[in-house]
Amino acid sequence: MSFRYIITLLLMLGMIVSAHAQEQQKVPEQVYPVLEYILSLPQSNENLDPGKLSGLIDFVGSVPVGSGIALQERDGAAGAFHAFSIDGDLSGVLDYAYNPDIPAYVTMPSSLQDQEWLTPQMNDELRKLTGNGGTTGDIHLLRGREREAITPDTNTGGYYMYNQHRIVAVLPGPTGPVLISATNQVDASEVGKKGCVVGDDKDWNYLYSDETGLNKTGLGWVDSYMYSAYSVIIYVADSSANMLHVGSFKWLNAGWAKINMVKSSHILEGIKRFASDFKAVLESPDLPEAPVLATKYQELLQKSKHELRQRVSPYLQALSNSDVLKVCSNPLKSMVPSGEYLQEMSHGEMVRVLLLKYVKGYIGKEPLSRVDFQPSQAQTLASRP
């Protein structure tokens, strides 16, 4: 057998494998009607019908971890799907990511700047799901409306605030409990404003300005919007293996002049950005217990702006002393060294900086300045009756 023949055969086999892989990288057609059914629930009064979800749950539970798939467009919005896994049980996700006493940005630090329920009763309903309350085998369906602000986009630096309808559902599944969260954006977002990803995105250091536009050469003037967004994320527990199969479906229409500038590849990278940090936080063996985190959050909320500024100042000084601000456009580049940024920070923004510093100190991310609340102190608090 000649060398040329072997090379040709290998190339042909590679093409076959590649074609087969591409064929496999599709969401089954029968999954789309189920997604449409789920996305109809946030704005309806319909009860959850578990019988309609089995095909979707089976897909998420069996699709290979790491799969990234472009979705069919939805109302002009591009879409993508990504599958990943989390070591642990569903109670951990509920206790940290869906606990109203812990800010959502703790588990989604590179994706979410802030979140607030506009339907206050959701806070009480979600509390009932924490501490194993949502994994008893009963069916739970919660509906609410929320306001979110996201972190700056890694490419443009733009960040957005918008309202959306959300459901949170928990139900029994074939291998353990299943959690579904689905959202529909309400109208277009507020106009995009200039933010900045400072240094490595994995360090969770972000700056925010009130100036409209994008932090990208040639696009500083753009009035951009998130026109529409839809998401479905499903956690399928495998109780015997103590792990979760997670599938995230997302569609997004965003840009300017009512033109969608978002591609499926952009959405996929955004989901991977979220998944990477979500896993890093929830899988950390050193993450404080949920009640400890909630206590720390309340402690920070009760501090005055003056006290918070004193604690945030070393963090901003560390930014000023490094070269990471060079990627930011004005006004942010000049506001941090001058002290103007610190003076204009809201109470909530300072709390977020300090709470994320606190979390970094536990899970192995080196904060820019010393965390003022040491792990040993938290462990002491946790051990108190």
Foldseek 3Di string as FASTA:
>chain_A
DDPVVVVVVVVVVVVVVVVVVVVVQADDPLVVVLQVVQQVPQPDPDDDDVVSCQVVLVCLVPPDAARKHWYDADPNWTKIKHKHKAFAFPLLCLLACVQPLHFNCLLQLLWFDGKDWPPVVSNVVSNCPHPVSQFPADKDKDKTKMKTKTAAQQAWQWIWIFIKIKIWIWHADPQGIKIKMKIKTDAKIAWIFHKDCFPDSVLSDIGGDPHGWTLDPPTRPFRKIWGIKIKMKMWDDRVVRRMTIIMIMMTTAMDGPSHRPDHNVSVSVVVVSRVVSSNLLSVQPQAFRSVLLSVLLVVLLPDDLVVLLVVCLLQLVLSVVDPRLVSGDPPVSVCSVVVNRSVPDDSSSSSVLLSSCVSCQGSPNHGSDDNPQHSVNSVVVVPDD
